[in-house]
Amino acid sequence: MEKGKVSGGFILPSLPNTLSLVAGSGEGSNPLNAFDSALLNAGVGNLNLVRISSIVPPKVEILPLPKIPMGSLVPTAYGYCTSDVKGGDYSSGS
């Protein structure tokens, strides 16, 4: 059966050949609002991010973030850091 096709109720995975790297920062009245703000700042706040592990297949091309329709399901490996201390600089990655 072809990759990306439905078989017995499951979609067989296909191997990605491109990826995009983005970063964002945000503040909010609580950690969730700050995280949402950071996603919007990174340009991915209106997408449905599906968390995956961070294993990158060989020979993947790194491209600028393409225009992706709002609400699209997007496989995503991400890291984040939160703090209750205002004005601090914090970073995270994966």
PDB file of N, CA and C in Angstrom:
ATOM      1  N   MET A   1       0.838  -1.179   0.000  1.00  0.00           N
ATOM      2  CA  MET A   1       0.000   0.000   0.000  1.00  0.00           C
ATOM      3  C   MET A   1       0.883   1.244   0.000  1.00  0.00           C
ATOM      4  N   GLU A   2       0.429   2.315  -0.689  1.00  0.00           N
ATOM      5  CA  GLU A   2       1.186   3.554  -0.798  1.00  0.00           C
ATOM      6  C   GLU A   2       1.234   4.314   0.513  1.00  0.00           C
ATOM      7  N   LYS A   3       2.365   5.001   0.760  1.00  0.00           N
ATOM      8  CA  LYS A   3       2.482   5.851   1.943  1.00  0.00           C
ATOM      9  C   LYS A   3       1.471   6.985   1.845  1.00  0.00           C
ATOM     10  N   GLY A   4       0.929   7.397   2.994  1.00  0.00           N
ATOM     11  CA  GLY A   4      -0.048   8.466   3.017  1.00  0.00           C
ATOM     12  C   GLY A   4      -1.459   7.996   2.711  1.00  0.00           C
ATOM     13  N   LYS A   5      -1.647   6.722   2.441  1.00  0.00           N
ATOM     14  CA  LYS A   5      -2.967   6.166   2.145  1.00  0.00           C
ATOM     15  C   LYS A   5      -3.544   5.527   3.398  1.00  0.00           C
ATOM     16  N   VAL A   6      -4.866   5.441   3.443  1.00  0.00           N
ATOM     17  CA  VAL A   6      -5.550   4.847   4.588  1.00  0.00           C
ATOM     18  C   VAL A   6      -5.569   3.331   4.427  1.00  0.00           C
ATOM     19  N   SER A   7      -5.214   2.629   5.512  1.00  0.00           N
ATOM     20  CA  SER A   7      -5.225   1.171   5.522  1.00  0.00           C
ATOM     21  C   SER A   7      -5.765   0.709   6.862  1.00  0.00           C
ATOM     22  N   GLY A   8      -6.924   0.103   6.875  1.00  0.00           N
ATOM     23  CA  GLY A   8      -7.493  -0.397   8.114  1.00  0.00           C
ATOM     24  C   GLY A   8      -7.740   0.698   9.140  1.00  0.00           C
ATOM     25  N   GLY A   9      -8.096   1.904   8.681  1.00  0.00           N
ATOM     26  CA  GLY A   9      -8.364   3.010   9.587  1.00  0.00           C
ATOM     27  C   GLY A   9      -7.136   3.805   9.991  1.00  0.00           C
ATOM     28  N   PHE A  10      -5.950   3.407   9.531  1.00  0.00           N
ATOM     29  CA  PHE A  10      -4.720   4.126   9.863  1.00  0.00           C
ATOM     30  C   PHE A  10      -4.134   4.745   8.604  1.00  0.00           C
ATOM     31  N   ILE A  11      -3.537   5.920   8.757  1.00  0.00           N
ATOM     32  CA  ILE A  11      -2.831   6.543   7.639  1.00  0.00           C
ATOM     33  C   ILE A  11      -1.373   6.135   7.735  1.00  0.00           C
ATOM     34  N   LEU A  12      -0.869   5.514   6.690  1.00  0.00           N
ATOM     35  CA  LEU A  12       0.532   5.107   6.672  1.00  0.00           C
ATOM     36  C   LEU A  12       1.400   6.358   6.530  1.00  0.00           C
ATOM     37  N   PRO A  13       2.386   6.534   7.386  1.00  0.00           N
ATOM     38  CA  PRO A  13       3.177   7.767   7.369  1.00  0.00           C
ATOM     39  C   PRO A  13       4.058   7.888   6.134  1.00  0.00           C
ATOM     40  N   SER A  14       4.307   9.125   5.758  1.00  0.00           N
ATOM     41  CA  SER A  14       5.256   9.388   4.682  1.00  0.00           C
ATOM     42  C   SER A  14       6.452  10.115   5.295  1.00  0.00           C
ATOM     43  N   LEU A  15       7.585  10.010   4.661  1.00  0.00           N
ATOM     44  CA  LEU A  15       8.820  10.604   5.164  1.00  0.00           C
ATOM     45  C   LEU A  15       8.901  12.059   4.720  1.00  0.00           C
ATOM     46  N   PRO A  16       8.995  13.007   5.664  1.00  0.00           N
ATOM     47  CA  PRO A  16       9.089  14.418   5.264  1.00  0.00           C
ATOM     48  C   PRO A  16      10.394  14.693   4.527  1.00  0.00           C
ATOM     49  N   ASN A  17      10.345  15.654   3.597  1.00  0.00           N
ATOM     50  CA  ASN A  17      11.566  16.016   2.883  1.00  0.00           C
ATOM     51  C   ASN A  17      11.928  17.488   3.065  1.00  0.00           C
ATOM     52  N   THR A  18      11.092  18.242   3.806  1.00  0.00           N
ATOM     53  CA  THR A  18      11.398  19.632   4.123  1.00  0.00           C
ATOM     54  C   THR A  18      11.036  19.918   5.581  1.00  0.00           C
ATOM     55  N   LEU A  19      11.645  20.965   6.142  1.00  0.00           N
ATOM     56  CA  LEU A  19      11.262  21.449   7.467  1.00  0.00           C
ATOM     57  C   LEU A  19      11.533  22.936   7.530  1.00  0.00           C
ATOM     58  N   SER A  20      10.860  23.594   8.463  1.00  0.00           N
ATOM     59  CA  SER A  20      11.058  25.021   8.702  1.00  0.00           C
ATOM     60  C   SER A  20      11.348  25.220  10.178  1.00  0.00           C
ATOM     61  N   LEU A  21      12.214  26.177  10.480  1.00  0.00           N
ATOM     62  CA  LEU A  21      12.550  26.519  11.860  1.00  0.00           C
ATOM     63  C   LEU A  21      11.969  27.888  12.170  1.00  0.00           C
ATOM     64  N   VAL A  22      11.266  27.997  13.294  1.00  0.00           N
ATOM     65  CA  VAL A  22      10.707  29.282  13.711  1.00  0.00           C
ATOM     66  C   VAL A  22      10.993  29.485  15.193  1.00  0.00           C
ATOM     67  N   ALA A  23      10.896  30.717  15.647  1.00  0.00           N
ATOM     68  CA  ALA A  23      11.061  31.047  17.061  1.00  0.00           C
ATOM     69  C   ALA A  23      10.111  32.179  17.390  1.00  0.00           C
ATOM     70  N   GLY A  24       9.657  32.216  18.625  1.00  0.00           N
ATOM     71  CA  GLY A  24       8.765  33.285  19.042  1.00  0.00           C
ATOM     72  C   GLY A  24       8.878  33.512  20.533  1.00  0.00           C
ATOM     73  N   SER A  25       8.415  34.664  20.961  1.00  0.00           N
ATOM     74  CA  SER A  25       8.374  34.962  22.388  1.00  0.00           C
ATOM     75  C   SER A  25       7.032  35.591  22.691  1.00  0.00           C
ATOM     76  N   GLY A  26       6.598  35.462  23.936  1.00  0.00           N
ATOM     77  CA  GLY A  26       5.313  36.029  24.292  1.00  0.00           C
ATOM     78  C   GLY A  26       5.165  36.220  25.784  1.00  0.00           C
ATOM     79  N   GLU A  27       4.275  37.109  26.134  1.00  0.00           N
ATOM     80  CA  GLU A  27       3.930  37.349  27.534  1.00  0.00           C
ATOM     81  C   GLU A  27       2.427  37.187  27.663  1.00  0.00           C
ATOM     82  N   GLY A  28       1.972  36.864  28.862  1.00  0.00           N
ATOM     83  CA  GLY A  28       0.549  36.718  29.090  1.00  0.00           C
ATOM     84  C   GLY A  28       0.242  36.695  30.565  1.00  0.00           C
ATOM     85  N   SER A  29      -1.049  36.733  30.880  1.00  0.00           N
ATOM     86  CA  SER A  29      -1.466  36.734  32.279  1.00  0.00           C
ATOM     87  C   SER A  29      -1.285  35.369  32.935  1.00  0.00           C
ATOM     88  N   ASN A  30      -1.061  34.338  32.116  1.00  0.00           N
ATOM     89  CA  ASN A  30      -0.781  32.995  32.635  1.00  0.00           C
ATOM     90  C   ASN A  30       0.087  32.274  31.607  1.00  0.00           C
ATOM     91  N   PRO A  31       0.677  31.132  31.973  1.00  0.00           N
ATOM     92  CA  PRO A  31       1.581  30.438  31.042  1.00  0.00           C
ATOM     93  C   PRO A  31       0.934  30.065  29.700  1.00  0.00           C
ATOM     94  N   LEU A  32      -0.332  29.667  29.696  1.00  0.00           N
ATOM     95  CA  LEU A  32      -0.989  29.285  28.442  1.00  0.00           C
ATOM     96  C   LEU A  32      -1.139  30.485  27.516  1.00  0.00           C
ATOM     97  N   ASN A  33      -1.534  31.636  28.068  1.00  0.00           N
ATOM     98  CA  ASN A  33      -1.652  32.835  27.234  1.00  0.00           C
ATOM     99  C   ASN A  33      -0.295  33.253  26.683  1.00  0.00           C
ATOM    100  N   ALA A  34       0.752  33.140  27.496  1.00  0.00           N
ATOM    101  CA  ALA A  34       2.098  33.483  27.040  1.00  0.00           C
ATOM    102  C   ALA A  34       2.544  32.534  25.923  1.00  0.00           C
ATOM    103  N   PHE A  35       2.236  31.247  26.073  1.00  0.00           N
ATOM    104  CA  PHE A  35       2.596  30.261  25.044  1.00  0.00           C
ATOM    105  C   PHE A  35       1.858  30.563  23.741  1.00  0.00           C
ATOM    106  N   ASP A  36       0.552  30.851  23.831  1.00  0.00           N
ATOM    107  CA  ASP A  36      -0.221  31.210  22.631  1.00  0.00           C
ATOM    108  C   ASP A  36       0.350  32.456  21.968  1.00  0.00           C
ATOM    109  N   SER A  37       0.736  33.441  22.770  1.00  0.00           N
ATOM    110  CA  SER A  37       1.327  34.662  22.242  1.00  0.00           C
ATOM    111  C   SER A  37       2.644  34.372  21.519  1.00  0.00           C
ATOM    112  N   ALA A  38       3.451  33.485  22.083  1.00  0.00           N
ATOM    113  CA  ALA A  38       4.722  33.109  21.455  1.00  0.00           C
ATOM    114  C   ALA A  38       4.491  32.371  20.138  1.00  0.00           C
ATOM    115  N   LEU A  39       3.470  31.510  20.087  1.00  0.00           N
ATOM    116  CA  LEU A  39       3.152  30.814  18.838  1.00  0.00           C
ATOM    117  C   LEU A  39       2.736  31.808  17.760  1.00  0.00           C
ATOM    118  N   LEU A  40       1.894  32.776  18.131  1.00  0.00           N
ATOM    119  CA  LEU A  40       1.493  33.811  17.167  1.00  0.00           C
ATOM    120  C   LEU A  40       2.701  34.610  16.708  1.00  0.00           C
ATOM    121  N   ASN A  41       3.604  34.936  17.640  1.00  0.00           N
ATOM    122  CA  ASN A  41       4.813  35.676  17.312  1.00  0.00           C
ATOM    123  C   ASN A  41       5.705  34.903  16.349  1.00  0.00           C
ATOM    124  N   ALA A  42       5.687  33.582  16.460  1.00  0.00           N
ATOM    125  CA  ALA A  42       6.503  32.728  15.581  1.00  0.00           C
ATOM    126  C   ALA A  42       5.835  32.469  14.233  1.00  0.00           C
ATOM    127  N   GLY A  43       4.563  32.880  14.086  1.00  0.00           N
ATOM    128  CA  GLY A  43       3.866  32.690  12.819  1.00  0.00           C
ATOM    129  C   GLY A  43       3.144  31.365  12.695  1.00  0.00           C
ATOM    130  N   VAL A  44       2.976  30.641  13.804  1.00  0.00           N
ATOM    131  CA  VAL A  44       2.309  29.339  13.756  1.00  0.00           C
ATOM    132  C   VAL A  44       1.120  29.258  14.713  1.00  0.00           C
ATOM    133  N   GLY A  45       0.658  30.391  15.220  1.00  0.00           N
ATOM    134  CA  GLY A  45      -0.397  30.406  16.223  1.00  0.00           C
ATOM    135  C   GLY A  45      -1.767  30.023  15.717  1.00  0.00           C
ATOM    136  N   ASN A  46      -1.991  30.075  14.411  1.00  0.00           N
ATOM    137  CA  ASN A  46      -3.302  29.727  13.858  1.00  0.00           C
ATOM    138  C   ASN A  46      -3.301  28.358  13.184  1.00  0.00           C
ATOM    139  N   LEU A  47      -2.340  27.525  13.572  1.00  0.00           N
ATOM    140  CA  LEU A  47      -2.236  26.169  13.038  1.00  0.00           C
ATOM    141  C   LEU A  47      -2.499  25.174  14.156  1.00  0.00           C
ATOM    142  N   ASN A  48      -2.935  23.983  13.808  1.00  0.00           N
ATOM    143  CA  ASN A  48      -3.091  22.898  14.778  1.00  0.00           C
ATOM    144  C   ASN A  48      -1.783  22.118  14.802  1.00  0.00           C
ATOM    145  N   LEU A  49      -0.991  22.351  15.836  1.00  0.00           N
ATOM    146  CA  LEU A  49       0.320  21.718  15.940  1.00  0.00           C
ATOM    147  C   LEU A  49       0.176  20.342  16.574  1.00  0.00           C
ATOM    148  N   VAL A  50       0.643  19.331  15.877  1.00  0.00           N
ATOM    149  CA  VAL A  50       0.612  17.952  16.356  1.00  0.00           C
ATOM    150  C   VAL A  50       2.030  17.624  16.802  1.00  0.00           C
ATOM    151  N   ARG A  51       2.219  17.456  18.102  1.00  0.00           N
ATOM    152  CA  ARG A  51       3.572  17.259  18.636  1.00  0.00           C
ATOM    153  C   ARG A  51       4.136  15.895  18.252  1.00  0.00           C
ATOM    154  N   ILE A  52       5.359  15.919  17.756  1.00  0.00           N
ATOM    155  CA  ILE A  52       6.079  14.700  17.369  1.00  0.00           C
ATOM    156  C   ILE A  52       7.452  14.738  18.017  1.00  0.00           C
ATOM    157  N   SER A  53       8.196  13.625  17.953  1.00  0.00           N
ATOM    158  CA  SER A  53       9.571  13.638  18.448  1.00  0.00           C
ATOM    159  C   SER A  53      10.424  14.464  17.491  1.00  0.00           C
ATOM    160  N   SER A  54      11.631  14.764  17.872  1.00  0.00           N
ATOM    161  CA  SER A  54      12.465  15.673  17.080  1.00  0.00           C
ATOM    162  C   SER A  54      13.479  14.942  16.208  1.00  0.00           C
ATOM    163  N   ILE A  55      13.133  13.779  15.713  1.00  0.00           N
ATOM    164  CA  ILE A  55      14.042  13.040  14.824  1.00  0.00           C
ATOM    165  C   ILE A  55      13.866  13.565  13.403  1.00  0.00           C
ATOM    166  N   VAL A  56      14.931  14.106  12.844  1.00  0.00           N
ATOM    167  CA  VAL A  56      14.887  14.665  11.495  1.00  0.00           C
ATOM    168  C   VAL A  56      15.423  13.624  10.511  1.00  0.00           C
ATOM    169  N   PRO A  57      14.638  13.288   9.490  1.00  0.00           N
ATOM    170  CA  PRO A  57      15.118  12.320   8.493  1.00  0.00           C
ATOM    171  C   PRO A  57      16.333  12.861   7.739  1.00  0.00           C
ATOM    172  N   PRO A  58      17.153  11.975   7.207  1.00  0.00           N
ATOM    173  CA  PRO A  58      18.318  12.431   6.448  1.00  0.00           C
ATOM    174  C   PRO A  58      17.900  13.169   5.181  1.00  0.00           C
ATOM    175  N   LYS A  59      18.737  14.099   4.756  1.00  0.00           N
ATOM    176  CA  LYS A  59      18.569  14.850   3.510  1.00  0.00           C
ATOM    177  C   LYS A  59      17.330  15.742   3.493  1.00  0.00           C
ATOM    178  N   VAL A  60      16.869  16.183   4.672  1.00  0.00           N
ATOM    179  CA  VAL A  60      15.736  17.101   4.737  1.00  0.00           C
ATOM    180  C   VAL A  60      16.222  18.506   4.401  1.00  0.00           C
ATOM    181  N   GLU A  61      15.478  19.199   3.553  1.00  0.00           N
ATOM    182  CA  GLU A  61      15.826  20.560   3.166  1.00  0.00           C
ATOM    183  C   GLU A  61      15.155  21.541   4.135  1.00  0.00           C
ATOM    184  N   ILE A  62      15.927  22.505   4.655  1.00  0.00           N
ATOM    185  CA  ILE A  62      15.386  23.517   5.563  1.00  0.00           C
ATOM    186  C   ILE A  62      14.958  24.718   4.726  1.00  0.00           C
ATOM    187  N   LEU A  63      13.670  25.051   4.823  1.00  0.00           N
ATOM    188  CA  LEU A  63      13.080  26.131   4.038  1.00  0.00           C
ATOM    189  C   LEU A  63      12.442  27.168   4.954  1.00  0.00           C
ATOM    190  N   PRO A  64      12.275  28.408   4.466  1.00  0.00           N
ATOM    191  CA  PRO A  64      11.487  29.375   5.237  1.00  0.00           C
ATOM    192  C   PRO A  64      10.061  28.826   5.406  1.00  0.00           C
ATOM    193  N   LEU A  65       9.397  29.246   6.471  1.00  0.00           N
ATOM    194  CA  LEU A  65       8.038  28.784   6.732  1.00  0.00           C
ATOM    195  C   LEU A  65       7.129  29.163   5.568  1.00  0.00           C
ATOM    196  N   PRO A  66       6.510  28.173   4.917  1.00  0.00           N
ATOM    197  CA  PRO A  66       5.608  28.497   3.805  1.00  0.00           C
ATOM    198  C   PRO A  66       4.267  28.989   4.324  1.00  0.00           C
ATOM    199  N   LYS A  67       3.442  29.533   3.442  1.00  0.00           N
ATOM    200  CA  LYS A  67       2.069  29.891   3.809  1.00  0.00           C
ATOM    201  C   LYS A  67       1.299  28.599   3.983  1.00  0.00           C
ATOM    202  N   ILE A  68       0.737  28.410   5.164  1.00  0.00           N
ATOM    203  CA  ILE A  68      -0.023  27.198   5.478  1.00  0.00           C
ATOM    204  C   ILE A  68      -1.428  27.644   5.837  1.00  0.00           C
ATOM    205  N   PRO A  69      -2.461  27.046   5.254  1.00  0.00           N
ATOM    206  CA  PRO A  69      -3.833  27.468   5.546  1.00  0.00           C
ATOM    207  C   PRO A  69      -4.157  27.368   7.044  1.00  0.00           C
ATOM    208  N   MET A  70      -4.857  28.374   7.563  1.00  0.00           N
ATOM    209  CA  MET A  70      -5.260  28.408   8.967  1.00  0.00           C
ATOM    210  C   MET A  70      -6.013  27.128   9.321  1.00  0.00           C
ATOM    211  N   GLY A  71      -5.681  26.559  10.478  1.00  0.00           N
ATOM    212  CA  GLY A  71      -6.351  25.354  10.955  1.00  0.00           C
ATOM    213  C   GLY A  71      -5.739  24.054  10.471  1.00  0.00           C
ATOM    214  N   SER A  72      -4.704  24.123   9.626  1.00  0.00           N
ATOM    215  CA  SER A  72      -4.061  22.909   9.118  1.00  0.00           C
ATOM    216  C   SER A  72      -3.423  22.118  10.255  1.00  0.00           C
ATOM    217  N   LEU A  73      -3.421  20.798  10.113  1.00  0.00           N
ATOM    218  CA  LEU A  73      -2.696  19.921  11.035  1.00  0.00           C
ATOM    219  C   LEU A  73      -1.241  19.906  10.603  1.00  0.00           C
ATOM    220  N   VAL A  74      -0.330  20.299  11.506  1.00  0.00           N
ATOM    221  CA  VAL A  74       1.089  20.419  11.163  1.00  0.00           C
ATOM    222  C   VAL A  74       1.920  19.632  12.167  1.00  0.00           C
ATOM    223  N   PRO A  75       2.607  18.567  11.726  1.00  0.00           N
ATOM    224  CA  PRO A  75       3.508  17.847  12.629  1.00  0.00           C
ATOM    225  C   PRO A  75       4.594  18.806  13.110  1.00  0.00           C
ATOM    226  N   THR A  76       4.828  18.845  14.428  1.00  0.00           N
ATOM    227  CA  THR A  76       5.715  19.857  15.011  1.00  0.00           C
ATOM    228  C   THR A  76       6.527  19.283  16.165  1.00  0.00           C
ATOM    229  N   ALA A  77       7.826  19.531  16.144  1.00  0.00           N
ATOM    230  CA  ALA A  77       8.677  19.251  17.303  1.00  0.00           C
ATOM    231  C   ALA A  77       8.984  20.606  17.912  1.00  0.00           C
ATOM    232  N   TYR A  78       8.673  20.794  19.191  1.00  0.00           N
ATOM    233  CA  TYR A  78       8.910  22.103  19.794  1.00  0.00           C
ATOM    234  C   TYR A  78       9.374  22.003  21.231  1.00  0.00           C
ATOM    235  N   GLY A  79      10.023  23.053  21.659  1.00  0.00           N
ATOM    236  CA  GLY A  79      10.435  23.199  23.051  1.00  0.00           C
ATOM    237  C   GLY A  79       9.893  24.512  23.564  1.00  0.00           C
ATOM    238  N   TYR A  80       9.750  24.607  24.870  1.00  0.00           N
ATOM    239  CA  TYR A  80       9.280  25.865  25.443  1.00  0.00           C
ATOM    240  C   TYR A  80       9.755  25.992  26.877  1.00  0.00           C
ATOM    241  N   CYS A  81       9.691  27.216  27.367  1.00  0.00           N
ATOM    242  CA  CYS A  81      10.097  27.525  28.729  1.00  0.00           C
ATOM    243  C   CYS A  81       9.156  28.601  29.234  1.00  0.00           C
ATOM    244  N   THR A  82       8.708  28.481  30.486  1.00  0.00           N
ATOM    245  CA  THR A  82       7.850  29.510  31.065  1.00  0.00           C
ATOM    246  C   THR A  82       8.439  29.973  32.390  1.00  0.00           C
ATOM    247  N   SER A  83       8.024  31.164  32.793  1.00  0.00           N
ATOM    248  CA  SER A  83       8.453  31.706  34.080  1.00  0.00           C
ATOM    249  C   SER A  83       7.395  32.668  34.587  1.00  0.00           C
ATOM    250  N   ASP A  84       7.305  32.799  35.896  1.00  0.00           N
ATOM    251  CA  ASP A  84       6.404  33.768  36.511  1.00  0.00           C
ATOM    252  C   ASP A  84       7.116  35.079  36.829  1.00  0.00           C
ATOM    253  N   VAL A  85       8.397  35.170  36.496  1.00  0.00           N
ATOM    254  CA  VAL A  85       9.188  36.367  36.783  1.00  0.00           C
ATOM    255  C   VAL A  85       9.108  37.305  35.584  1.00  0.00           C
ATOM    256  N   LYS A  86       8.544  38.499  35.782  1.00  0.00           N
ATOM    257  CA  LYS A  86       8.409  39.455  34.687  1.00  0.00           C
ATOM    258  C   LYS A  86       9.757  40.081  34.336  1.00  0.00           C
ATOM    259  N   GLY A  87       9.958  40.286  33.030  1.00  0.00           N
ATOM    260  CA  GLY A  87      11.140  40.997  32.571  1.00  0.00           C
ATOM    261  C   GLY A  87      12.384  40.144  32.400  1.00  0.00           C
ATOM    262  N   GLY A  88      12.327  38.862  32.737  1.00  0.00           N
ATOM    263  CA  GLY A  88      13.489  37.994  32.581  1.00  0.00           C
ATOM    264  C   GLY A  88      13.639  37.507  31.150  1.00  0.00           C
ATOM    265  N   ASP A  89      14.817  37.083  30.795  1.00  0.00           N
ATOM    266  CA  ASP A  89      15.070  36.483  29.495  1.00  0.00           C
ATOM    267  C   ASP A  89      15.251  34.988  29.680  1.00  0.00           C
ATOM    268  N   TYR A  90      14.479  34.206  28.953  1.00  0.00           N
ATOM    269  CA  TYR A  90      14.511  32.749  29.066  1.00  0.00           C
ATOM    270  C   TYR A  90      14.528  32.161  27.668  1.00  0.00           C
ATOM    271  N   SER A  91      15.105  31.002  27.518  1.00  0.00           N
ATOM    272  CA  SER A  91      15.110  30.365  26.195  1.00  0.00           C
ATOM    273  C   SER A  91      14.973  28.861  26.347  1.00  0.00           C
ATOM    274  N   SER A  92      14.530  28.249  25.260  1.00  0.00           N
ATOM    275  CA  SER A  92      14.342  26.805  25.241  1.00  0.00           C
ATOM    276  C   SER A  92      14.496  26.339  23.802  1.00  0.00           C
ATOM    277  N   GLY A  93      14.760  25.071  23.619  1.00  0.00           N
ATOM    278  CA  GLY A  93      14.869  24.524  22.277  1.00  0.00           C
ATOM    279  C   GLY A  93      14.792  23.028  22.313  1.00  0.00           C
ATOM    280  N   SER A  94      14.612  22.469  21.148  1.00  0.00           N
ATOM    281  CA  SER A  94      14.617  21.003  21.049  1.00  0.00           C
ATOM    282  C   SER A  94      15.186  20.595  19.721  1.00  0.00           C
TER     283      SER A  94
END
